[in-house]
Structure formats: structure tokens, C-alpha cells
Amino acid sequence: MPSEGKPESLARRGVVRASGGPLRDVKVELGVVFVLVLGVYFLTLGLDLGRWQELAAVAGAAVLGALWVVLRTRREARRLREANR
């Protein structure tokens, strides 16, 4: 039993630092692309467009954003591979 006047101390852990890893910049760009595609979606809701035009706008933005993220990821992976040689 613990003594009455002395509080128990908890075990302490080391400090954990979340650096985001080697592809941190690509993760940030993925978030930006997601927000931009969401913005295009909300923009199409406010415009008086046909259903297919709304779909084309959102799908086009999503495809362009995905292409950007894929190209950036490949470029960063290539750069990291070259740096580790």
C-alpha cells in the first residue's frame, strides 16, 4: 500500500517526435490537393451546371490532383534512393 502522504509517481516515457518521415512534403501536398478538390466540389454545388458538368469538373480536378501527387511521390522516392546510394 502506498504511504498516505506521498503521491505515487507514474512511469515516464521518452519524448516522441513526429517528423512525418521522408515523404512529409508529399503528404502535405496530398492534403492541399484534397482541399482543392473539395473546393471544386463545393464550387460546382453553387454553380448552375448540369449533372455531367459537375461530375466532369470534380473528376477532372481529382485526376489532375492524383497525377500531381503520383509524380511528386515518384520524384521524391527517386531522390531518396539516389541519396542512399
N, C-alpha and C. Protein backbone atom coordinates (compact mmCIF):
# COMPACT_ATOMS: atom_id res chain seq x y z
N MET A 1 0.84 -1.17 0.00
CA MET A 1 0.00 0.00 0.00
C MET A 1 0.89 1.24 0.00
N PRO A 2 0.51 2.23 -0.78
CA PRO A 2 1.31 3.46 -0.78
C PRO A 2 1.11 4.22 0.52
N SER A 3 2.13 4.95 0.87
CA SER A 3 2.02 5.74 2.10
C SER A 3 1.02 6.87 1.88
N GLU A 4 0.39 7.26 2.93
CA GLU A 4 -0.73 8.19 2.85
C GLU A 4 -0.32 9.59 2.40
N GLY A 5 0.85 10.08 2.77
CA GLY A 5 1.22 11.45 2.45
C GLY A 5 2.03 11.59 1.18
N LYS A 6 2.38 10.49 0.56
CA LYS A 6 3.26 10.54 -0.59
C LYS A 6 2.50 10.11 -1.86
N PRO A 7 2.39 11.00 -2.86
CA PRO A 7 1.68 10.60 -4.08
C PRO A 7 2.53 9.63 -4.91
N GLU A 8 1.85 8.75 -5.63
CA GLU A 8 2.55 7.80 -6.48
C GLU A 8 3.02 8.51 -7.75
N SER A 9 4.18 8.13 -8.22
CA SER A 9 4.66 8.72 -9.46
C SER A 9 4.40 7.74 -10.61
N LEU A 10 4.10 8.29 -11.75
CA LEU A 10 3.83 7.48 -12.93
C LEU A 10 5.12 7.29 -13.72
N ALA A 11 5.20 6.19 -14.40
CA ALA A 11 6.37 5.93 -15.24
C ALA A 11 6.37 6.93 -16.39
N ARG A 12 7.54 7.47 -16.71
CA ARG A 12 7.65 8.46 -17.78
C ARG A 12 8.18 7.79 -19.04
N ARG A 13 7.67 8.24 -20.14
CA ARG A 13 8.14 7.74 -21.43
C ARG A 13 9.01 8.81 -22.07
N GLY A 14 9.80 8.38 -23.02
CA GLY A 14 10.62 9.33 -23.77
C GLY A 14 9.76 10.19 -24.67
N VAL A 15 10.30 11.29 -25.12
CA VAL A 15 9.58 12.20 -25.99
C VAL A 15 9.52 11.59 -27.39
N VAL A 16 8.33 11.58 -27.96
CA VAL A 16 8.14 11.06 -29.30
C VAL A 16 8.04 12.26 -30.24
N ARG A 17 8.85 12.25 -31.27
CA ARG A 17 8.82 13.34 -32.24
C ARG A 17 8.31 12.80 -33.56
N ALA A 18 7.28 13.45 -34.05
CA ALA A 18 6.70 13.02 -35.32
C ALA A 18 7.26 13.90 -36.43
N SER A 19 8.28 13.40 -37.11
CA SER A 19 8.89 14.18 -38.17
C SER A 19 8.10 14.07 -39.47
N GLY A 20 7.26 13.08 -39.60
CA GLY A 20 6.48 12.91 -40.82
C GLY A 20 7.14 11.99 -41.82
N GLY A 21 8.36 11.61 -41.55
CA GLY A 21 9.05 10.69 -42.44
C GLY A 21 9.67 11.38 -43.63
N PRO A 22 10.25 10.59 -44.51
CA PRO A 22 10.96 11.17 -45.65
C PRO A 22 10.04 11.79 -46.70
N LEU A 23 8.78 11.42 -46.70
CA LEU A 23 7.84 11.96 -47.69
C LEU A 23 6.88 12.96 -47.07
N ARG A 24 7.34 13.70 -46.07
CA ARG A 24 6.49 14.66 -45.37
C ARG A 24 5.93 15.71 -46.32
N ASP A 25 6.76 16.22 -47.22
CA ASP A 25 6.30 17.25 -48.15
C ASP A 25 5.22 16.72 -49.08
N VAL A 26 5.34 15.48 -49.49
CA VAL A 26 4.33 14.88 -50.36
C VAL A 26 3.01 14.72 -49.60
N LYS A 27 3.10 14.39 -48.32
CA LYS A 27 1.88 14.26 -47.51
C LYS A 27 1.17 15.60 -47.39
N VAL A 28 1.94 16.66 -47.24
CA VAL A 28 1.35 17.99 -47.15
C VAL A 28 0.68 18.34 -48.48
N GLU A 29 1.34 18.03 -49.58
CA GLU A 29 0.75 18.31 -50.90
C GLU A 29 -0.50 17.48 -51.14
N LEU A 30 -0.53 16.26 -50.63
CA LEU A 30 -1.74 15.45 -50.73
C LEU A 30 -2.90 16.13 -50.00
N GLY A 31 -2.62 16.69 -48.83
CA GLY A 31 -3.66 17.42 -48.10
C GLY A 31 -4.14 18.63 -48.87
N VAL A 32 -3.21 19.36 -49.51
CA VAL A 32 -3.59 20.54 -50.30
C VAL A 32 -4.45 20.12 -51.49
N VAL A 33 -4.07 19.05 -52.15
CA VAL A 33 -4.85 18.55 -53.29
C VAL A 33 -6.24 18.15 -52.83
N PHE A 34 -6.34 17.50 -51.69
CA PHE A 34 -7.65 17.09 -51.16
C PHE A 34 -8.53 18.31 -50.91
N VAL A 35 -7.95 19.34 -50.30
CA VAL A 35 -8.73 20.56 -50.01
C VAL A 35 -9.15 21.24 -51.32
N LEU A 36 -8.27 21.26 -52.32
CA LEU A 36 -8.63 21.88 -53.59
C LEU A 36 -9.75 21.12 -54.30
N VAL A 37 -9.70 19.79 -54.28
CA VAL A 37 -10.77 19.00 -54.90
C VAL A 37 -12.08 19.21 -54.15
N LEU A 38 -11.99 19.29 -52.84
CA LEU A 38 -13.20 19.59 -52.05
C LEU A 38 -13.74 20.97 -52.40
N GLY A 39 -12.85 21.93 -52.60
CA GLY A 39 -13.27 23.27 -53.02
C GLY A 39 -13.95 23.26 -54.38
N VAL A 40 -13.42 22.48 -55.32
CA VAL A 40 -14.06 22.37 -56.64
C VAL A 40 -15.44 21.75 -56.49
N TYR A 41 -15.56 20.77 -55.62
CA TYR A 41 -16.87 20.14 -55.40
C TYR A 41 -17.88 21.16 -54.86
N PHE A 42 -17.48 21.94 -53.86
CA PHE A 42 -18.40 22.93 -53.30
C PHE A 42 -18.68 24.05 -54.30
N LEU A 43 -17.72 24.37 -55.14
CA LEU A 43 -17.93 25.38 -56.18
C LEU A 43 -18.97 24.90 -57.18
N THR A 44 -18.90 23.62 -57.55
CA THR A 44 -19.88 23.10 -58.51
C THR A 44 -21.28 23.05 -57.91
N LEU A 45 -21.37 22.92 -56.60
CA LEU A 45 -22.69 22.95 -55.97
C LEU A 45 -23.33 24.33 -56.09
N GLY A 46 -22.50 25.35 -56.06
CA GLY A 46 -23.02 26.73 -56.13
C GLY A 46 -23.31 27.19 -57.54
N LEU A 47 -22.74 26.56 -58.53
CA LEU A 47 -22.97 26.94 -59.92
C LEU A 47 -24.16 26.19 -60.50
N ASP A 48 -24.79 26.79 -61.49
CA ASP A 48 -25.93 26.14 -62.14
C ASP A 48 -25.43 25.36 -63.34
N LEU A 49 -24.89 24.19 -63.06
CA LEU A 49 -24.35 23.33 -64.10
C LEU A 49 -25.17 22.06 -64.20
N GLY A 50 -25.03 21.40 -65.33
CA GLY A 50 -25.67 20.10 -65.49
C GLY A 50 -24.96 19.07 -64.64
N ARG A 51 -25.63 17.96 -64.41
CA ARG A 51 -25.07 16.91 -63.57
C ARG A 51 -23.75 16.39 -64.14
N TRP A 52 -23.68 16.18 -65.45
CA TRP A 52 -22.47 15.65 -66.07
C TRP A 52 -21.34 16.68 -66.02
N GLN A 53 -21.66 17.99 -66.07
CA GLN A 53 -20.62 19.02 -65.99
C GLN A 53 -20.02 19.07 -64.58
N GLU A 54 -20.87 18.90 -63.58
CA GLU A 54 -20.38 18.85 -62.20
C GLU A 54 -19.46 17.65 -62.01
N LEU A 55 -19.91 16.51 -62.52
CA LEU A 55 -19.11 15.30 -62.41
C LEU A 55 -17.78 15.44 -63.15
N ALA A 56 -17.81 16.04 -64.33
CA ALA A 56 -16.59 16.22 -65.11
C ALA A 56 -15.62 17.16 -64.39
N ALA A 57 -16.13 18.21 -63.78
CA ALA A 57 -15.27 19.17 -63.09
C ALA A 57 -14.60 18.53 -61.87
N VAL A 58 -15.37 17.83 -61.07
CA VAL A 58 -14.82 17.20 -59.87
C VAL A 58 -13.88 16.06 -60.25
N ALA A 59 -14.28 15.25 -61.22
CA ALA A 59 -13.42 14.14 -61.64
C ALA A 59 -12.14 14.66 -62.28
N GLY A 60 -12.24 15.73 -63.05
CA GLY A 60 -11.05 16.32 -63.67
C GLY A 60 -10.09 16.85 -62.62
N ALA A 61 -10.62 17.54 -61.63
CA ALA A 61 -9.77 18.05 -60.55
C ALA A 61 -9.13 16.91 -59.77
N ALA A 62 -9.90 15.85 -59.52
CA ALA A 62 -9.37 14.70 -58.78
C ALA A 62 -8.28 13.99 -59.57
N VAL A 63 -8.47 13.82 -60.87
CA VAL A 63 -7.47 13.15 -61.70
C VAL A 63 -6.20 13.98 -61.77
N LEU A 64 -6.34 15.29 -61.98
CA LEU A 64 -5.16 16.15 -62.03
C LEU A 64 -4.42 16.16 -60.69
N GLY A 65 -5.17 16.21 -59.60
CA GLY A 65 -4.55 16.17 -58.27
C GLY A 65 -3.84 14.85 -58.02
N ALA A 66 -4.47 13.75 -58.41
CA ALA A 66 -3.84 12.44 -58.22
C ALA A 66 -2.59 12.31 -59.06
N LEU A 67 -2.64 12.82 -60.29
CA LEU A 67 -1.47 12.79 -61.15
C LEU A 67 -0.32 13.59 -60.54
N TRP A 68 -0.64 14.75 -60.01
CA TRP A 68 0.38 15.58 -59.37
C TRP A 68 1.03 14.84 -58.19
N VAL A 69 0.22 14.25 -57.33
CA VAL A 69 0.75 13.55 -56.16
C VAL A 69 1.59 12.34 -56.58
N VAL A 70 1.15 11.61 -57.59
CA VAL A 70 1.91 10.46 -58.06
C VAL A 70 3.27 10.89 -58.61
N LEU A 71 3.27 11.94 -59.42
CA LEU A 71 4.54 12.41 -59.98
C LEU A 71 5.48 12.93 -58.90
N ARG A 72 4.94 13.66 -57.93
CA ARG A 72 5.78 14.18 -56.84
C ARG A 72 6.32 13.05 -55.98
N THR A 73 5.51 12.02 -55.73
CA THR A 73 5.96 10.89 -54.93
C THR A 73 7.07 10.14 -55.65
N ARG A 74 6.91 9.93 -56.95
CA ARG A 74 7.96 9.25 -57.71
C ARG A 74 9.25 10.05 -57.71
N ARG A 75 9.14 11.37 -57.86
CA ARG A 75 10.33 12.22 -57.87
C ARG A 75 11.03 12.19 -56.53
N GLU A 76 10.28 12.26 -55.44
CA GLU A 76 10.88 12.24 -54.10
C GLU A 76 11.49 10.87 -53.81
N ALA A 77 10.81 9.80 -54.22
CA ALA A 77 11.35 8.46 -53.99
C ALA A 77 12.66 8.27 -54.77
N ARG A 78 12.70 8.77 -55.99
CA ARG A 78 13.92 8.69 -56.78
C ARG A 78 15.04 9.48 -56.11
N ARG A 79 14.71 10.67 -55.60
CA ARG A 79 15.71 11.49 -54.93
C ARG A 79 16.23 10.81 -53.67
N LEU A 80 15.35 10.19 -52.91
CA LEU A 80 15.76 9.48 -51.70
C LEU A 80 16.60 8.25 -52.02
N ARG A 81 16.24 7.55 -53.09
CA ARG A 81 17.01 6.38 -53.49
C ARG A 81 18.42 6.79 -53.92
N GLU A 82 18.53 7.89 -54.66
CA GLU A 82 19.84 8.38 -55.08
C GLU A 82 20.67 8.85 -53.88
N ALA A 83 20.02 9.42 -52.88
CA ALA A 83 20.74 9.91 -51.71
C ALA A 83 21.28 8.75 -50.85
N ASN A 84 20.61 7.60 -50.89
CA ASN A 84 21.01 6.45 -50.07
C ASN A 84 22.02 5.55 -50.76
N ARG A 85 22.40 5.86 -51.96
CA ARG A 85 23.39 5.02 -52.67
C ARG A 85 24.78 5.31 -52.20
